[in-house]
Amino acid sequence: MATNASAGDRKHRGQARKATASGWIGSALEYYDFFIYAQAAALIFPQLFFPSGNPKIAIVASLATYGVGYVARPIGAFVLGHWGDTHGRKNVLLLCMFLMGFSTMAVGLLPTYHHVGLLAPALLVVLRLIQGFAVAGEISGASSMILEHAPFGRRGYYASFTLQGVQAGQILAAAVFLPLAYYMDESSFNSWGWRVPFLLSALVLVAGYIIRREVEETPAFANEDASGGVPKSPIAEAFRYNWQDMLRVVGCSLMNVIPVVATIFGAAYAVQASYGIGFSKSVYLWIPVIGNIVAVLVIPYVGNLSDQIGRRLPIIVGALGAGLLSFAYLYAISIHNVALAIVMSILMWGIIYQGYNATFPSFYPELFPTRSRVSAMAIGQNIGTTITALLPALFAYVAPPGSHNVPITIGAITFGITIIAAVTAWSARENYRVKLSDLGQPGAMPLDKHSYDQLRAQTMAESKKAVASP
């Protein structure tokens, strides 16, 4: 009897680690695809896919195509969220990966404006819409899968690896662009070099499929399926019973304004000649790379901290602190100080923002029941990020090339948005001590802190013992 229980525990721990690795690697690979587009939209697409007569219009239009990908995300959230709650977390993650991989490879094969005129930006928009549709189910699906496999008292730590994977994907995206931008002459990079990162998505697709096919479906969803508890319309249930928490997810997801400032508008502001800052492309690309490297190191510690003190406090501190630091980051760029810009990027993006970024993969799915978890989280999160993804074009409009006080203007908008996110997080209930089966249920009671800490310590001790044993 004890032997069977021990074997079951080992299998559960093994699946938790495997699900976490799958979520990490899958998110890294998929967000590599998503963010190479972001880098290209800021650095190269204005010259390739839009008329060259007015560089201001070209910059706004290129950044707008970045935002278009997010416009498709709410649609993808409805479709893929429904799929994840009715067909399983594993199935939806595989579907997301294939859609993202094929659309990203196709961008690398597109003709430019010089060759086909307005057809070029039109095709670019279509492929960006497919990318946005695909990525809509990734974080909600991966977070739900990891959360439902994770041991009690360790959900924040395990789920944080979803976002660690996202940051790693951004590092990979910039790391691929860095040697191309540095070693290739400008004419070669503009002619064919920029296509290489997109075509490498073929390797991303194969690697991701091999990894994700090995993960089992979560016990929580499998139990729902076996008992006939899978709803026909999880979206309808989410809106009927959990609409208030879905609104909270929308509000908190406005924190996406920080990566928008750090990696999208910041890139255009620093690199595009019409702004007059003059950072080289190869130098600027190091700023988000270094910030993300620090983030990869910080995220597990914040996730673990949220298992000890709760989810809300790290999110609130991360929101307000990162919002304030956005002023300093943009100011560093405005005074042409590369070293200071790197330091501010590390503080804003690499450290303080991770209070939110490392915590929301557990905070969001804990608000909802198993029956509608993927749908509710996906819809709320993607509506919020869609709002913020339209900001690069807004920023370029309110602070176009030639504007004065760009750091004050953009910083004030950013800080105002992060205040909204912080207040929204404060209004939510804490669920880190609520058992998985009770999440999303009205009146669900958390374990008392003493009992929770004991169970968490026991779980950690068993994990360390399992790692140490041959």
Protein backbone atom coordinates (compact mmCIF):
# COMPACT_ATOMS: atom_id res chain seq x y z
CA MET A 1 0.00 0.00 0.00
CA ALA A 2 2.74 2.41 1.02
CA THR A 3 4.78 1.31 -1.97
CA ASN A 4 1.90 2.11 -4.33
CA ALA A 5 1.43 5.52 -2.72
CA SER A 6 5.15 6.21 -3.01
CA ALA A 7 5.13 5.21 -6.66
CA GLY A 8 2.14 7.45 -7.25
CA ASP A 9 3.90 10.35 -5.56
CA ARG A 10 6.99 9.82 -7.70
CA LYS A 11 4.88 9.75 -10.86
CA HIS A 12 3.06 12.93 -9.80
CA ARG A 13 6.35 14.72 -9.10
CA GLY A 14 7.74 13.48 -12.39
CA GLN A 15 4.76 14.77 -14.33
CA ALA A 16 4.96 18.11 -12.50
CA ARG A 17 8.59 18.50 -13.57
CA LYS A 18 7.83 17.33 -17.10
CA ALA A 19 4.86 19.71 -17.41
CA THR A 20 7.00 22.57 -16.10
CA ALA A 21 9.78 21.77 -18.57
CA SER A 22 7.23 21.54 -21.39
CA GLY A 23 5.68 24.86 -20.40
CA TRP A 24 9.08 26.51 -20.15
CA ILE A 25 10.47 25.24 -23.43
CA GLY A 26 7.19 25.58 -25.33
CA SER A 27 6.72 29.17 -24.17
CA ALA A 28 10.34 29.99 -24.99
CA LEU A 29 10.04 28.62 -28.49
CA GLU A 30 6.65 30.16 -29.22
CA TYR A 31 7.56 33.58 -27.86
CA TYR A 32 10.79 33.49 -29.83
CA ASP A 33 8.54 33.51 -32.87
CA PHE A 34 6.36 36.29 -31.50
CA PHE A 35 9.19 38.59 -30.45
CA ILE A 36 11.40 38.32 -33.50
CA TYR A 37 8.51 40.08 -35.20
CA ALA A 38 8.54 42.74 -32.48
CA GLN A 39 12.25 43.35 -33.00
CA ALA A 40 11.85 43.53 -36.77
CA ALA A 41 8.84 45.86 -36.53
CA ALA A 42 10.92 48.38 -34.61
CA LEU A 43 14.26 47.96 -36.39
CA ILE A 44 13.77 47.02 -40.03
CA PHE A 45 10.15 46.74 -41.22
CA PRO A 46 9.58 50.54 -41.58
CA GLN A 47 12.15 50.55 -44.40
CA LEU A 48 11.05 47.28 -46.04
CA PHE A 49 7.26 47.08 -45.98
CA PHE A 50 6.09 50.70 -46.14
CA PRO A 51 6.56 53.71 -48.45
CA SER A 52 9.89 55.40 -47.80
CA GLY A 53 8.77 58.95 -48.54
CA ASN A 54 7.67 59.75 -44.98
CA PRO A 55 9.69 58.00 -42.25
CA LYS A 56 7.32 59.17 -39.49
CA ILE A 57 4.36 57.46 -41.14
CA ALA A 58 6.46 54.36 -41.81
CA ILE A 59 7.39 54.04 -38.12
CA VAL A 60 3.79 54.47 -36.94
CA ALA A 61 2.51 51.99 -39.54
CA SER A 62 5.16 49.39 -38.69
CA LEU A 63 4.46 49.62 -34.96
CA ALA A 64 0.75 49.41 -35.75
CA THR A 65 1.29 46.04 -37.45
CA TYR A 66 2.86 44.87 -34.19
CA GLY A 67 -0.35 45.90 -32.44
CA VAL A 68 -2.47 44.12 -35.05
CA GLY A 69 -1.17 40.80 -33.74
CA TYR A 70 -2.72 41.62 -30.40
CA VAL A 71 -6.04 42.55 -32.01
CA ALA A 72 -6.39 38.90 -33.02
CA ARG A 73 -5.60 37.70 -29.52
CA PRO A 74 -9.10 38.09 -28.01
CA ILE A 75 -10.51 36.06 -30.91
CA GLY A 76 -7.85 33.43 -30.37
CA ALA A 77 -8.59 33.49 -26.65
CA PHE A 78 -12.25 32.60 -27.22
CA VAL A 79 -11.46 29.81 -29.70
CA LEU A 80 -8.35 28.36 -28.04
CA GLY A 81 -9.65 28.85 -24.52
CA HIS A 82 -12.74 26.84 -25.43
CA TRP A 83 -10.52 24.18 -26.99
CA GLY A 84 -8.31 23.95 -23.91
CA ASP A 85 -11.28 23.53 -21.56
CA THR A 86 -13.08 20.98 -23.73
CA HIS A 87 -10.23 19.03 -25.39
CA GLY A 88 -7.48 19.40 -22.83
CA ARG A 89 -4.48 21.57 -22.05
CA LYS A 90 -2.02 19.44 -24.02
CA ASN A 91 -4.05 19.57 -27.24
CA VAL A 92 -4.46 23.33 -27.23
CA LEU A 93 -0.74 23.88 -26.63
CA LEU A 94 0.19 21.75 -29.64
CA LEU A 95 -2.32 23.62 -31.81
CA CYS A 96 -0.95 27.00 -30.71
CA MET A 97 2.58 25.93 -31.54
CA PHE A 98 1.82 24.78 -35.07
CA LEU A 99 -0.14 27.93 -35.95
CA MET A 100 2.64 30.15 -34.62
CA GLY A 101 5.45 28.23 -36.30
CA PHE A 102 3.98 28.18 -39.79
CA SER A 103 2.91 31.85 -39.76
CA THR A 104 6.34 32.98 -38.56
CA MET A 105 8.17 31.02 -41.26
CA ALA A 106 5.88 32.63 -43.85
CA VAL A 107 6.94 36.15 -42.74
CA GLY A 108 10.49 35.21 -43.72
CA LEU A 109 9.31 34.43 -47.24
CA LEU A 110 7.35 37.65 -47.88
CA PRO A 111 8.18 40.04 -50.74
CA THR A 112 8.86 43.64 -49.71
CA TYR A 113 7.10 46.90 -50.63
CA HIS A 114 9.74 47.57 -53.27
CA HIS A 115 8.70 44.40 -55.13
CA VAL A 116 4.90 44.18 -54.74
CA GLY A 117 3.80 47.52 -53.33
CA LEU A 118 0.90 47.58 -50.88
CA LEU A 119 0.43 43.82 -51.13
CA ALA A 120 3.54 43.47 -48.92
CA PRO A 121 2.13 45.21 -45.80
CA ALA A 122 -1.24 43.53 -46.42
CA LEU A 123 0.34 40.06 -46.30
CA LEU A 124 2.38 41.10 -43.28
CA VAL A 125 -0.82 42.07 -41.43
CA VAL A 126 -2.50 38.73 -42.29
CA LEU A 127 0.41 36.70 -40.93
CA ARG A 128 0.61 38.89 -37.83
CA LEU A 129 -3.09 38.22 -37.22
CA ILE A 130 -2.42 34.47 -37.34
CA GLN A 131 0.50 34.91 -34.91
CA GLY A 132 -1.71 36.83 -32.51
CA PHE A 133 -4.47 34.23 -32.76
CA ALA A 134 -2.00 31.42 -31.99
CA VAL A 135 -0.22 33.02 -29.05
CA ALA A 136 -3.55 33.78 -27.33
CA GLY A 137 -3.78 30.28 -25.89
CA GLU A 138 -0.15 29.75 -24.97
CA ILE A 139 0.29 31.31 -21.53
CA SER A 140 -3.18 30.40 -20.25
CA GLY A 141 -2.81 26.82 -21.47
CA ALA A 142 0.76 26.39 -20.20
CA SER A 143 0.03 28.07 -16.85
CA SER A 144 -3.07 25.93 -16.30
CA MET A 145 -1.20 22.75 -17.18
CA ILE A 146 1.67 23.50 -14.80
CA LEU A 147 -0.61 24.73 -12.01
CA GLU A 148 -2.75 21.58 -12.20
CA HIS A 149 0.33 19.33 -12.07
CA ALA A 150 2.14 21.31 -9.34
CA PRO A 151 2.22 20.13 -5.69
CA PHE A 152 0.21 22.16 -3.18
CA GLY A 153 2.22 25.01 -1.70
CA ARG A 154 4.49 25.20 -4.74
CA ARG A 155 2.09 26.42 -7.44
CA GLY A 156 3.62 29.88 -7.65
CA TYR A 157 7.14 28.51 -8.04
CA TYR A 158 6.27 25.95 -10.69
CA ALA A 159 3.94 28.23 -12.67
CA SER A 160 6.55 31.00 -12.77
CA PHE A 161 8.61 28.89 -15.18
CA THR A 162 6.02 29.61 -17.88
CA LEU A 163 7.12 33.24 -17.86
CA GLN A 164 10.75 32.36 -17.41
CA GLY A 165 10.36 30.54 -20.72
CA VAL A 166 8.79 33.63 -22.28
CA GLN A 167 11.76 35.75 -21.18
CA ALA A 168 14.16 33.14 -22.53
CA GLY A 169 12.33 33.28 -25.87
CA GLN A 170 12.90 37.02 -25.97
CA ILE A 171 16.59 36.52 -25.24
CA LEU A 172 16.80 34.05 -28.09
CA ALA A 173 14.96 36.43 -30.42
CA ALA A 174 17.38 39.27 -29.73
CA ALA A 175 20.38 36.94 -29.67
CA VAL A 176 19.59 35.78 -33.20
CA PHE A 177 19.31 39.38 -34.42
CA LEU A 178 22.49 40.54 -32.63
CA PRO A 179 25.14 38.74 -34.71
CA LEU A 180 23.21 39.43 -37.92
CA ALA A 181 22.95 43.16 -37.18
CA TYR A 182 26.57 43.35 -36.01
CA TYR A 183 28.42 41.29 -38.59
CA MET A 184 26.36 41.94 -41.74
CA ASP A 185 26.58 45.14 -43.70
CA GLU A 186 23.35 47.14 -43.75
CA SER A 187 22.45 46.40 -47.37
CA SER A 188 22.82 42.62 -46.89
CA PHE A 189 20.86 42.68 -43.62
CA ASN A 190 18.05 44.69 -45.24
CA SER A 191 18.10 42.45 -48.31
CA TRP A 192 18.05 38.95 -46.79
CA GLY A 193 19.65 38.84 -43.35
CA TRP A 194 16.46 39.84 -41.54
CA ARG A 195 14.70 36.76 -42.97
CA VAL A 196 16.99 34.26 -41.23
CA PRO A 197 15.42 34.48 -37.73
CA PHE A 198 11.95 33.90 -39.21
CA LEU A 199 13.01 30.89 -41.27
CA LEU A 200 14.68 29.35 -38.21
CA SER A 201 11.16 28.84 -36.86
CA ALA A 202 11.18 25.52 -38.69
CA LEU A 203 13.63 24.24 -36.07
CA VAL A 204 11.52 25.81 -33.32
CA LEU A 205 8.46 23.94 -34.54
CA VAL A 206 10.13 20.53 -34.62
CA ALA A 207 11.74 20.93 -31.19
CA GLY A 208 8.53 22.14 -29.59
CA TYR A 209 6.49 19.25 -30.94
CA ILE A 210 8.95 16.65 -29.70
CA ILE A 211 8.85 18.11 -26.20
CA ARG A 212 5.13 18.71 -25.82
CA ARG A 213 3.89 15.38 -27.12
CA GLU A 214 5.52 13.66 -24.12
CA VAL A 215 3.43 15.43 -21.45
CA GLU A 216 0.33 13.77 -20.01
CA GLU A 217 -2.96 15.59 -19.61
CA THR A 218 -3.47 17.11 -16.15
CA PRO A 219 -5.27 15.00 -13.51
CA ALA A 220 -7.69 17.86 -12.84
CA PHE A 221 -8.90 17.97 -16.46
CA ALA A 222 -8.78 14.17 -16.82
CA ASN A 223 -11.04 13.81 -13.78
CA GLU A 224 -13.48 16.35 -15.20
CA ASP A 225 -13.50 14.48 -18.49
CA ALA A 226 -13.93 11.04 -16.91
CA SER A 227 -16.81 12.19 -14.71
CA GLY A 228 -18.60 13.93 -17.58
CA GLY A 229 -17.90 17.31 -15.99
CA VAL A 230 -16.39 18.97 -19.06
CA PRO A 231 -18.78 21.82 -19.94
CA LYS A 232 -20.18 22.26 -23.43
CA SER A 233 -19.63 26.00 -23.19
CA PRO A 234 -16.87 26.91 -20.73
CA ILE A 235 -16.90 30.48 -22.04
CA ALA A 236 -20.56 30.91 -21.10
CA GLU A 237 -19.82 29.50 -17.63
CA ALA A 238 -16.86 31.84 -17.22
CA PHE A 239 -18.94 34.92 -18.05
CA ARG A 240 -21.85 33.73 -15.92
CA TYR A 241 -19.93 32.89 -12.76
CA ASN A 242 -16.51 34.52 -12.97
CA TRP A 243 -16.96 37.77 -14.91
CA GLN A 244 -15.68 39.92 -12.04
CA ASP A 245 -12.41 38.01 -11.85
CA MET A 246 -12.12 38.11 -15.63
CA LEU A 247 -12.28 41.91 -15.39
CA ARG A 248 -9.55 41.78 -12.76
CA VAL A 249 -7.37 39.82 -15.16
CA VAL A 250 -8.00 42.47 -17.83
CA GLY A 251 -6.95 45.23 -15.44
CA CYS A 252 -3.82 43.46 -14.21
CA SER A 253 -2.81 42.52 -17.76
CA LEU A 254 -2.40 46.21 -18.54
CA MET A 255 1.03 45.65 -17.00
CA ASN A 256 2.07 44.60 -20.50
CA VAL A 257 2.75 48.30 -20.97
CA ILE A 258 6.19 47.74 -19.41
CA PRO A 259 7.52 45.33 -22.08
CA VAL A 260 5.93 47.58 -24.70
CA VAL A 261 7.99 50.50 -23.41
CA ALA A 262 11.13 48.42 -22.88
CA THR A 263 11.29 46.48 -26.14
CA ILE A 264 9.02 48.13 -28.72
CA PHE A 265 8.71 51.89 -28.32
CA GLY A 266 12.10 52.04 -26.62
CA ALA A 267 13.69 50.36 -29.63
CA ALA A 268 12.10 52.76 -32.11
CA TYR A 269 12.96 55.78 -29.93
CA ALA A 270 16.59 54.71 -29.55
CA VAL A 271 17.34 53.42 -33.04
CA GLN A 272 15.18 55.13 -35.68
CA ALA A 273 17.13 58.00 -37.23
CA SER A 274 14.14 60.34 -37.27
CA TYR A 275 14.14 60.47 -33.43
CA GLY A 276 17.75 61.65 -33.49
CA ILE A 277 19.02 59.48 -30.61
CA GLY A 278 21.36 57.42 -32.74
CA PHE A 279 21.83 54.15 -30.83
CA SER A 280 23.12 51.52 -33.22
CA LYS A 281 20.89 48.51 -33.76
CA SER A 282 23.47 46.06 -32.46
CA VAL A 283 24.06 48.12 -29.29
CA TYR A 284 20.39 48.68 -28.54
CA LEU A 285 19.55 45.00 -28.92
CA TRP A 286 21.76 44.31 -25.91
CA ILE A 287 19.44 46.33 -23.64
CA PRO A 288 16.46 43.94 -23.66
CA VAL A 289 18.83 40.96 -23.80
CA ILE A 290 20.58 41.91 -20.55
CA GLY A 291 17.28 42.84 -18.89
CA ASN A 292 15.79 39.50 -19.85
CA ILE A 293 18.83 37.55 -18.67
CA VAL A 294 18.41 39.10 -15.25
CA ALA A 295 14.67 38.37 -15.39
CA VAL A 296 15.30 34.68 -16.09
CA LEU A 297 17.36 34.52 -12.89
CA VAL A 298 14.89 36.51 -10.77
CA ILE A 299 11.60 34.86 -11.81
CA PRO A 300 11.86 31.56 -9.85
CA TYR A 301 12.73 33.45 -6.65
CA VAL A 302 9.69 35.70 -7.02
CA GLY A 303 7.49 32.72 -7.82
CA ASN A 304 8.74 30.98 -4.69
CA LEU A 305 8.22 34.17 -2.66
CA SER A 306 4.59 34.34 -3.81
CA ASP A 307 4.08 30.87 -2.32
CA GLN A 308 5.15 32.30 1.03
CA ILE A 309 3.52 35.74 1.18
CA GLY A 310 0.76 35.54 -1.45
CA ARG A 311 0.32 36.80 -5.00
CA ARG A 312 -1.03 40.32 -4.54
CA LEU A 313 1.89 42.06 -2.82
CA PRO A 314 4.55 41.12 -5.41
CA ILE A 315 2.20 42.22 -8.22
CA ILE A 316 1.42 45.59 -6.59
CA VAL A 317 5.08 46.36 -5.83
CA GLY A 318 6.12 45.25 -9.32
CA ALA A 319 3.47 47.41 -10.98
CA LEU A 320 4.16 50.65 -9.15
CA GLY A 321 7.95 50.25 -9.13
CA ALA A 322 8.24 49.41 -12.83
CA GLY A 323 5.90 52.27 -13.75
CA LEU A 324 8.08 54.77 -11.92
CA LEU A 325 11.27 53.42 -13.45
CA SER A 326 9.90 53.88 -16.98
CA PHE A 327 10.62 57.62 -16.64
CA ALA A 328 14.27 56.92 -15.85
CA TYR A 329 14.65 54.34 -18.63
CA LEU A 330 13.36 56.67 -21.34
CA TYR A 331 15.36 59.57 -19.90
CA ALA A 332 18.54 57.50 -20.18
CA ILE A 333 17.82 56.92 -23.86
CA SER A 334 17.01 60.61 -24.40
CA ILE A 335 20.44 61.70 -23.10
CA HIS A 336 22.21 59.11 -25.30
CA ASN A 337 23.58 57.26 -22.27
CA VAL A 338 23.82 53.58 -23.20
CA ALA A 339 25.24 52.47 -19.83
CA LEU A 340 22.46 54.20 -17.87
CA ALA A 341 19.81 52.80 -20.24
CA ILE A 342 21.12 49.30 -19.57
CA VAL A 343 21.05 49.85 -15.79
CA MET A 344 17.50 51.21 -15.93
CA SER A 345 16.43 48.30 -18.13
CA ILE A 346 17.82 45.84 -15.59
CA LEU A 347 16.00 47.56 -12.72
CA MET A 348 12.68 48.19 -14.49
CA TRP A 349 12.38 45.18 -16.75
CA GLY A 350 14.76 42.63 -15.26
CA ILE A 351 13.95 42.96 -11.55
CA ILE A 352 10.99 45.10 -10.44
CA TYR A 353 8.58 44.12 -13.23
CA GLN A 354 9.09 40.47 -12.33
CA GLY A 355 7.01 41.02 -9.21
CA TYR A 356 4.07 40.95 -11.60
CA ASN A 357 5.52 38.84 -14.40
CA ALA A 358 6.61 35.88 -12.25
CA THR A 359 3.39 35.87 -10.22
CA PHE A 360 0.52 36.19 -12.67
CA PRO A 361 0.91 32.63 -14.11
CA SER A 362 -0.32 31.34 -10.74
CA PHE A 363 -2.43 34.34 -9.69
CA TYR A 364 -4.69 34.28 -12.77
CA PRO A 365 -5.56 30.57 -13.04
CA GLU A 366 -6.12 30.38 -9.27
CA LEU A 367 -9.07 32.74 -9.72
CA PHE A 368 -11.01 30.19 -11.79
CA PRO A 369 -12.35 26.62 -11.55
CA THR A 370 -10.96 23.76 -13.66
CA ARG A 371 -14.06 23.71 -15.87
CA SER A 372 -13.40 27.14 -17.38
CA ARG A 373 -9.87 28.00 -16.26
CA VAL A 374 -8.17 28.26 -19.67
CA SER A 375 -11.06 30.19 -21.26
CA ALA A 376 -11.47 32.69 -18.43
CA MET A 377 -7.76 33.40 -18.10
CA ALA A 378 -7.13 33.56 -21.86
CA ILE A 379 -10.00 35.96 -22.54
CA GLY A 380 -9.18 38.31 -19.69
CA GLN A 381 -5.45 38.34 -20.26
CA ASN A 382 -5.62 38.79 -24.00
CA ILE A 383 -8.14 41.63 -23.84
CA GLY A 384 -5.81 43.43 -21.42
CA THR A 385 -2.69 42.85 -23.49
CA THR A 386 -4.53 43.87 -26.65
CA ILE A 387 -5.25 47.25 -25.11
CA THR A 388 -1.60 47.79 -24.24
CA ALA A 389 -0.32 46.45 -27.56
CA LEU A 390 -1.99 49.34 -29.33
CA LEU A 391 0.19 51.68 -27.28
CA PRO A 392 3.31 51.69 -29.53
CA ALA A 393 1.34 53.41 -32.28
CA LEU A 394 -0.23 55.76 -29.71
CA PHE A 395 3.17 56.55 -28.25
CA ALA A 396 4.57 57.27 -31.71
CA TYR A 397 1.55 59.53 -32.34
CA VAL A 398 1.66 61.57 -29.11
CA ALA A 399 5.47 61.65 -29.10
CA PRO A 400 6.51 61.49 -32.77
CA PRO A 401 10.03 62.16 -34.02
CA GLY A 402 10.95 65.75 -33.20
CA SER A 403 8.88 65.87 -30.01
CA HIS A 404 10.18 67.34 -26.79
CA ASN A 405 9.84 65.71 -23.35
CA VAL A 406 9.31 62.21 -24.73
CA PRO A 407 10.33 60.55 -21.41
CA ILE A 408 7.81 62.66 -19.44
CA THR A 409 4.97 62.11 -21.90
CA ILE A 410 5.40 58.36 -22.34
CA GLY A 411 6.46 57.80 -18.72
CA ALA A 412 3.33 59.50 -17.39
CA ILE A 413 1.05 57.34 -19.54
CA THR A 414 2.96 54.22 -18.48
CA PHE A 415 2.82 55.02 -14.76
CA GLY A 416 -0.90 55.80 -14.92
CA ILE A 417 -1.57 52.40 -16.49
CA THR A 418 0.52 50.55 -13.89
CA ILE A 419 -1.45 52.26 -11.10
CA ILE A 420 -4.64 50.80 -12.58
CA ALA A 421 -3.03 47.33 -12.59
CA ALA A 422 -1.90 47.67 -8.98
CA VAL A 423 -5.33 48.74 -7.72
CA THR A 424 -6.95 45.88 -9.63
CA ALA A 425 -4.61 43.33 -8.04
CA TRP A 426 -5.33 44.77 -4.58
CA SER A 427 -9.09 44.21 -5.14
CA ALA A 428 -8.65 40.46 -5.82
CA ARG A 429 -8.78 37.71 -3.20
CA GLU A 430 -5.74 35.65 -2.21
CA ASN A 431 -5.95 32.03 -3.35
CA TYR A 432 -2.44 30.72 -2.77
CA ARG A 433 -3.59 28.73 0.28
CA VAL A 434 -6.77 27.40 -1.39
CA LYS A 435 -6.69 23.76 -2.56
CA LEU A 436 -6.77 23.13 -6.30
CA SER A 437 -10.19 21.46 -6.22
CA ASP A 438 -11.69 24.50 -4.47
CA LEU A 439 -10.27 27.20 -6.72
CA GLY A 440 -12.90 29.42 -8.33
CA GLN A 441 -15.65 28.18 -6.01
CA PRO A 442 -17.79 30.70 -4.13
CA GLY A 443 -16.89 30.74 -0.46
CA ALA A 444 -13.75 28.62 -0.90
CA MET A 445 -11.77 28.81 2.33
CA PRO A 446 -7.96 28.87 2.42
CA LEU A 447 -5.98 26.72 4.82
CA ASP A 448 -4.81 28.56 7.89
CA LYS A 449 -1.28 29.87 7.52
CA HIS A 450 0.25 27.46 10.02
CA SER A 451 -1.23 24.35 8.36
CA TYR A 452 -0.31 25.66 4.92
CA ASP A 453 3.30 26.30 5.93
CA GLN A 454 3.56 22.79 7.36
CA LEU A 455 2.21 21.19 4.17
CA ARG A 456 4.47 23.35 2.03
CA ALA A 457 7.52 22.42 4.08
CA GLN A 458 6.59 18.75 3.78
CA THR A 459 6.21 19.06 0.00
CA MET A 460 9.58 20.76 -0.34
CA ALA A 461 11.27 18.14 1.85
CA GLU A 462 9.82 15.32 -0.25
CA SER A 463 10.97 17.02 -3.45
CA LYS A 464 14.52 17.44 -2.13
CA LYS A 465 14.54 13.80 -1.01
CA ALA A 466 13.34 12.65 -4.44
CA VAL A 467 16.09 14.66 -6.15
CA ALA A 468 18.73 13.29 -3.80
CA SER A 469 17.65 9.65 -4.12
CA PRO A 470 19.11 7.60 -7.03
